[in-house]
């Protein structure tokens, strides 16, 4: 099985999440981007507790594409320091794994 990962980022608007998804598809960096929200986030930023409404992007791709995905997200993201984390996918059906690999293939 290819080294599948799910990258997660949050945005301040649904439109921004859709923009990120579109860019990742345009650059052939994601097989799937699921956008969910709104969600309520609480966090500390610059020493102040904040609360905001956000949208979550779950991006399915290959580990080898992480750096390119991060760079693409940073191109269009409005946050000073967006959440961009990768979670390894330890198990997936062969068909799904093959589909992800084909979807982000450089060929």
N, C-alpha and C. Protein backbone atom coordinates (compact mmCIF):
# COMPACT_ATOMS: atom_id res chain seq x y z
N UNK A 1 0.85 -1.19 0.00
CA UNK A 1 0.00 0.00 0.00
C UNK A 1 0.89 1.24 0.00
N UNK A 2 0.52 2.21 -0.80
CA UNK A 2 1.23 3.49 -0.84
C UNK A 2 1.13 4.16 0.52
N UNK A 3 2.02 5.10 0.78
CA UNK A 3 2.00 5.84 2.04
C UNK A 3 0.93 6.92 1.99
N UNK A 4 -0.30 6.51 2.34
CA UNK A 4 -1.43 7.44 2.32
C UNK A 4 -1.42 8.30 3.58
N UNK A 5 -1.80 9.56 3.42
CA UNK A 5 -1.97 10.45 4.57
C UNK A 5 -3.25 11.26 4.38
N UNK A 6 -3.73 11.78 5.49
CA UNK A 6 -4.81 12.76 5.47
C UNK A 6 -4.23 14.03 6.06
N UNK A 7 -4.25 15.09 5.29
CA UNK A 7 -3.80 16.39 5.77
C UNK A 7 -5.02 17.17 6.20
N UNK A 8 -4.89 17.87 7.29
CA UNK A 8 -6.01 18.62 7.86
C UNK A 8 -5.61 20.08 7.97
N UNK A 9 -6.52 20.96 7.57
CA UNK A 9 -6.34 22.39 7.77
C UNK A 9 -7.71 23.00 8.05
N UNK A 10 -7.71 24.12 8.72
CA UNK A 10 -8.95 24.84 8.98
C UNK A 10 -8.86 26.21 8.33
N UNK A 11 -10.03 26.75 7.97
CA UNK A 11 -10.10 28.07 7.34
C UNK A 11 -11.19 28.89 8.01
N UNK A 12 -11.15 30.18 7.75
CA UNK A 12 -12.14 31.07 8.33
C UNK A 12 -13.43 31.19 7.55
N UNK A 13 -13.47 30.56 6.36
CA UNK A 13 -14.70 30.63 5.57
C UNK A 13 -14.81 29.40 4.67
N UNK A 14 -16.04 29.10 4.29
CA UNK A 14 -16.28 28.00 3.37
C UNK A 14 -15.66 28.31 2.00
N UNK A 15 -15.71 29.56 1.59
CA UNK A 15 -15.14 29.96 0.30
C UNK A 15 -13.63 29.72 0.28
N UNK A 16 -12.97 30.01 1.38
CA UNK A 16 -11.52 29.78 1.44
C UNK A 16 -11.22 28.28 1.41
N UNK A 17 -12.00 27.48 2.09
CA UNK A 17 -11.83 26.02 2.04
C UNK A 17 -12.02 25.51 0.62
N UNK A 18 -13.03 26.01 -0.08
CA UNK A 18 -13.27 25.62 -1.47
C UNK A 18 -12.12 26.05 -2.37
N UNK A 19 -11.55 27.22 -2.12
CA UNK A 19 -10.41 27.71 -2.88
C UNK A 19 -9.21 26.79 -2.71
N UNK A 20 -8.95 26.38 -1.48
CA UNK A 20 -7.85 25.45 -1.21
C UNK A 20 -8.08 24.13 -1.94
N UNK A 21 -9.29 23.60 -1.84
CA UNK A 21 -9.61 22.34 -2.52
C UNK A 21 -9.38 22.47 -4.03
N UNK A 22 -9.87 23.53 -4.62
CA UNK A 22 -9.72 23.73 -6.06
C UNK A 22 -8.25 23.81 -6.46
N UNK A 23 -7.45 24.52 -5.69
CA UNK A 23 -6.03 24.64 -5.98
C UNK A 23 -5.33 23.29 -5.90
N UNK A 24 -5.67 22.50 -4.89
CA UNK A 24 -5.05 21.19 -4.73
C UNK A 24 -5.41 20.26 -5.89
N UNK A 25 -6.65 20.34 -6.37
CA UNK A 25 -7.05 19.53 -7.53
C UNK A 25 -6.35 20.03 -8.80
N UNK A 26 -6.27 21.34 -8.95
CA UNK A 26 -5.60 21.93 -10.12
C UNK A 26 -4.14 21.47 -10.19
N UNK A 27 -3.48 21.40 -9.04
CA UNK A 27 -2.07 20.99 -8.99
C UNK A 27 -1.90 19.47 -8.89
N UNK A 28 -3.01 18.75 -8.90
CA UNK A 28 -3.02 17.29 -8.82
C UNK A 28 -2.32 16.79 -7.55
N UNK A 29 -2.65 17.44 -6.41
CA UNK A 29 -2.03 17.11 -5.14
C UNK A 29 -2.97 16.36 -4.20
N UNK A 30 -4.24 16.28 -4.54
CA UNK A 30 -5.21 15.63 -3.68
C UNK A 30 -6.14 14.74 -4.49
N UNK A 31 -6.45 13.58 -3.93
CA UNK A 31 -7.45 12.71 -4.53
C UNK A 31 -8.84 13.11 -4.08
N UNK A 32 -8.93 13.63 -2.86
CA UNK A 32 -10.22 13.99 -2.26
C UNK A 32 -9.98 15.08 -1.23
N UNK A 33 -10.86 16.06 -1.21
CA UNK A 33 -10.86 17.07 -0.14
C UNK A 33 -12.29 17.14 0.38
N UNK A 34 -12.46 16.79 1.63
CA UNK A 34 -13.77 16.90 2.27
C UNK A 34 -13.78 18.18 3.10
N UNK A 35 -14.79 19.01 2.88
CA UNK A 35 -14.94 20.25 3.61
C UNK A 35 -16.13 20.10 4.55
N UNK A 36 -15.89 20.33 5.82
CA UNK A 36 -16.98 20.26 6.79
C UNK A 36 -17.01 21.53 7.61
N UNK A 37 -18.18 21.84 8.09
CA UNK A 37 -18.32 23.03 8.90
C UNK A 37 -19.72 23.58 8.77
N UNK A 38 -20.01 24.60 9.46
CA UNK A 38 -19.04 25.27 10.31
C UNK A 38 -18.75 24.48 11.59
N UNK A 39 -17.54 24.68 12.09
CA UNK A 39 -17.15 24.13 13.38
C UNK A 39 -16.75 25.30 14.28
N UNK A 40 -16.83 25.08 15.56
CA UNK A 40 -16.42 26.12 16.51
C UNK A 40 -15.06 25.74 17.05
N UNK A 41 -14.11 26.64 16.93
CA UNK A 41 -12.75 26.38 17.41
C UNK A 41 -12.41 27.32 18.55
N UNK A 42 -11.74 26.77 19.54
CA UNK A 42 -11.21 27.55 20.65
C UNK A 42 -9.72 27.29 20.70
N UNK A 43 -8.94 28.34 20.84
CA UNK A 43 -7.49 28.21 20.81
C UNK A 43 -6.85 29.43 21.45
N UNK A 44 -5.57 29.34 21.74
CA UNK A 44 -4.81 30.47 22.24
C UNK A 44 -3.91 30.96 21.12
N UNK A 45 -4.01 32.23 20.79
CA UNK A 45 -3.17 32.83 19.75
C UNK A 45 -2.60 34.13 20.29
N UNK A 46 -1.28 34.24 20.25
CA UNK A 46 -0.58 35.42 20.78
C UNK A 46 -0.97 35.71 22.22
N UNK A 47 -1.12 34.63 23.01
CA UNK A 47 -1.40 34.78 24.43
C UNK A 47 -2.84 35.09 24.78
N UNK A 48 -3.72 35.11 23.79
CA UNK A 48 -5.14 35.44 24.03
C UNK A 48 -6.00 34.25 23.63
N UNK A 49 -6.94 33.90 24.51
CA UNK A 49 -7.87 32.82 24.18
C UNK A 49 -8.87 33.35 23.17
N UNK A 50 -9.00 32.61 22.08
CA UNK A 50 -9.89 33.00 20.98
C UNK A 50 -10.97 31.95 20.76
N UNK A 51 -12.03 32.36 20.12
CA UNK A 51 -13.07 31.44 19.66
C UNK A 51 -13.52 31.92 18.29
N UNK A 52 -13.62 30.98 17.34
CA UNK A 52 -14.02 31.39 16.00
C UNK A 52 -14.79 30.26 15.32
N UNK A 53 -15.46 30.62 14.25
CA UNK A 53 -16.15 29.66 13.40
C UNK A 53 -15.22 29.36 12.23
N UNK A 54 -15.02 28.07 11.97
CA UNK A 54 -14.10 27.67 10.92
C UNK A 54 -14.69 26.53 10.09
N UNK A 55 -14.02 26.24 8.99
CA UNK A 55 -14.33 25.09 8.14
C UNK A 55 -13.09 24.21 8.09
N UNK A 56 -13.31 22.91 8.09
CA UNK A 56 -12.22 21.93 8.12
C UNK A 56 -12.07 21.28 6.76
N UNK A 57 -10.83 21.19 6.30
CA UNK A 57 -10.51 20.46 5.08
C UNK A 57 -9.76 19.19 5.46
N UNK A 58 -10.26 18.05 5.00
CA UNK A 58 -9.60 16.75 5.16
C UNK A 58 -9.11 16.37 3.76
N UNK A 59 -7.82 16.33 3.58
CA UNK A 59 -7.20 16.15 2.27
C UNK A 59 -6.56 14.77 2.20
N UNK A 60 -6.99 13.95 1.23
CA UNK A 60 -6.41 12.61 1.05
C UNK A 60 -5.36 12.69 -0.03
N UNK A 61 -4.14 12.24 0.30
CA UNK A 61 -3.03 12.30 -0.63
C UNK A 61 -1.96 11.30 -0.23
N UNK A 62 -0.77 11.42 -0.82
CA UNK A 62 0.37 10.56 -0.50
C UNK A 62 1.37 11.34 0.34
N UNK A 63 2.08 10.64 1.21
CA UNK A 63 3.07 11.28 2.07
C UNK A 63 4.09 12.06 1.25
N UNK A 64 4.45 11.55 0.09
CA UNK A 64 5.43 12.22 -0.76
C UNK A 64 4.94 13.59 -1.25
N UNK A 65 3.65 13.84 -1.18
CA UNK A 65 3.08 15.10 -1.64
C UNK A 65 2.92 16.13 -0.52
N UNK A 66 3.28 15.77 0.73
CA UNK A 66 3.02 16.67 1.86
C UNK A 66 3.60 18.06 1.64
N UNK A 67 4.87 18.17 1.31
CA UNK A 67 5.52 19.48 1.18
C UNK A 67 4.82 20.34 0.12
N UNK A 68 4.45 19.74 -0.99
CA UNK A 68 3.76 20.48 -2.05
C UNK A 68 2.37 20.91 -1.61
N UNK A 69 1.67 20.04 -0.88
CA UNK A 69 0.34 20.41 -0.37
C UNK A 69 0.47 21.56 0.62
N UNK A 70 1.42 21.46 1.54
CA UNK A 70 1.61 22.55 2.51
C UNK A 70 1.90 23.87 1.79
N UNK A 71 2.79 23.85 0.81
CA UNK A 71 3.12 25.07 0.07
C UNK A 71 1.89 25.63 -0.65
N UNK A 72 1.08 24.77 -1.26
CA UNK A 72 -0.12 25.23 -1.96
C UNK A 72 -1.12 25.85 -0.98
N UNK A 73 -1.30 25.22 0.17
CA UNK A 73 -2.22 25.78 1.17
C UNK A 73 -1.73 27.16 1.60
N UNK A 74 -0.44 27.29 1.87
CA UNK A 74 0.10 28.58 2.31
C UNK A 74 -0.03 29.66 1.24
N UNK A 75 -0.05 29.27 -0.04
CA UNK A 75 -0.22 30.24 -1.14
C UNK A 75 -1.50 31.04 -1.00
N UNK A 76 -2.57 30.39 -0.54
CA UNK A 76 -3.89 31.03 -0.56
C UNK A 76 -4.53 31.20 0.82
N UNK A 77 -3.91 30.66 1.86
CA UNK A 77 -4.52 30.69 3.20
C UNK A 77 -4.41 32.08 3.80
N UNK A 78 -5.44 32.52 4.47
CA UNK A 78 -5.47 33.87 5.05
C UNK A 78 -4.86 33.94 6.45
N UNK A 79 -4.66 32.81 7.11
CA UNK A 79 -4.12 32.83 8.48
C UNK A 79 -2.62 33.06 8.46
N UNK A 80 -2.11 33.74 9.50
CA UNK A 80 -0.67 33.93 9.65
C UNK A 80 0.04 32.58 9.79
N UNK A 81 -0.53 31.70 10.58
CA UNK A 81 0.04 30.36 10.77
C UNK A 81 -1.09 29.34 10.80
N UNK A 82 -1.47 28.84 9.62
CA UNK A 82 -2.59 27.89 9.57
C UNK A 82 -2.21 26.53 10.14
N UNK A 83 -3.20 25.85 10.65
CA UNK A 83 -3.03 24.45 11.03
C UNK A 83 -2.85 23.66 9.74
N UNK A 84 -1.73 22.98 9.63
CA UNK A 84 -1.50 22.06 8.51
C UNK A 84 -0.82 20.85 9.13
N UNK A 85 -1.60 19.79 9.34
CA UNK A 85 -1.05 18.59 9.97
C UNK A 85 -1.37 17.38 9.10
N UNK A 86 -0.50 16.38 9.20
CA UNK A 86 -0.71 15.15 8.44
C UNK A 86 -0.89 13.99 9.39
N UNK A 87 -1.84 13.15 9.06
CA UNK A 87 -2.15 11.96 9.85
C UNK A 87 -1.95 10.76 8.94
N UNK A 88 -1.07 9.82 9.33
CA UNK A 88 -0.88 8.65 8.47
C UNK A 88 -2.14 7.79 8.44
N UNK A 89 -2.41 7.21 7.29
CA UNK A 89 -3.51 6.27 7.14
C UNK A 89 -2.87 4.88 7.17
N UNK A 90 -3.07 4.17 8.26
CA UNK A 90 -2.38 2.90 8.45
C UNK A 90 -3.02 1.76 7.67
N UNK A 91 -4.29 1.86 7.40
CA UNK A 91 -5.00 0.82 6.66
C UNK A 91 -5.99 1.47 5.70
N UNK A 92 -6.08 0.90 4.51
CA UNK A 92 -7.08 1.33 3.52
C UNK A 92 -7.30 0.18 2.55
N UNK A 93 -8.47 0.15 1.98
CA UNK A 93 -8.72 -0.90 0.98
C UNK A 93 -7.77 -0.69 -0.19
N UNK A 94 -7.41 -1.77 -0.84
CA UNK A 94 -6.49 -1.69 -1.97
C UNK A 94 -7.04 -0.79 -3.07
N UNK A 95 -8.31 -0.93 -3.36
CA UNK A 95 -8.91 -0.10 -4.40
C UNK A 95 -8.83 1.39 -4.08
N UNK A 96 -9.10 1.74 -2.83
CA UNK A 96 -9.04 3.15 -2.42
C UNK A 96 -7.61 3.66 -2.49
N UNK A 97 -6.67 2.88 -1.98
CA UNK A 97 -5.26 3.28 -2.00
C UNK A 97 -4.78 3.46 -3.44
N UNK A 98 -5.16 2.55 -4.31
CA UNK A 98 -4.77 2.66 -5.72
C UNK A 98 -5.37 3.91 -6.35
N UNK A 99 -6.62 4.21 -6.02
CA UNK A 99 -7.29 5.40 -6.55
C UNK A 99 -6.57 6.68 -6.10
N UNK A 100 -6.22 6.76 -4.82
CA UNK A 100 -5.49 7.94 -4.33
C UNK A 100 -4.18 8.07 -5.09
N UNK A 101 -3.45 6.97 -5.20
CA UNK A 101 -2.16 7.00 -5.90
C UNK A 101 -2.31 7.46 -7.35
N UNK A 102 -3.29 6.94 -8.04
CA UNK A 102 -3.52 7.32 -9.44
C UNK A 102 -3.92 8.80 -9.53
N UNK A 103 -4.70 9.25 -8.59
CA UNK A 103 -5.24 10.62 -8.63
C UNK A 103 -4.17 11.68 -8.48
N UNK A 104 -3.11 11.36 -7.76
CA UNK A 104 -2.05 12.36 -7.52
C UNK A 104 -0.76 11.99 -8.24
N UNK A 105 -0.85 11.04 -9.15
CA UNK A 105 0.32 10.58 -9.89
C UNK A 105 0.86 11.68 -10.80
N UNK A 106 2.17 11.74 -10.93
CA UNK A 106 2.81 12.72 -11.82
C UNK A 106 2.77 12.28 -13.27
N UNK A 107 2.33 11.06 -13.52
CA UNK A 107 2.31 10.51 -14.88
C UNK A 107 1.12 11.00 -15.65
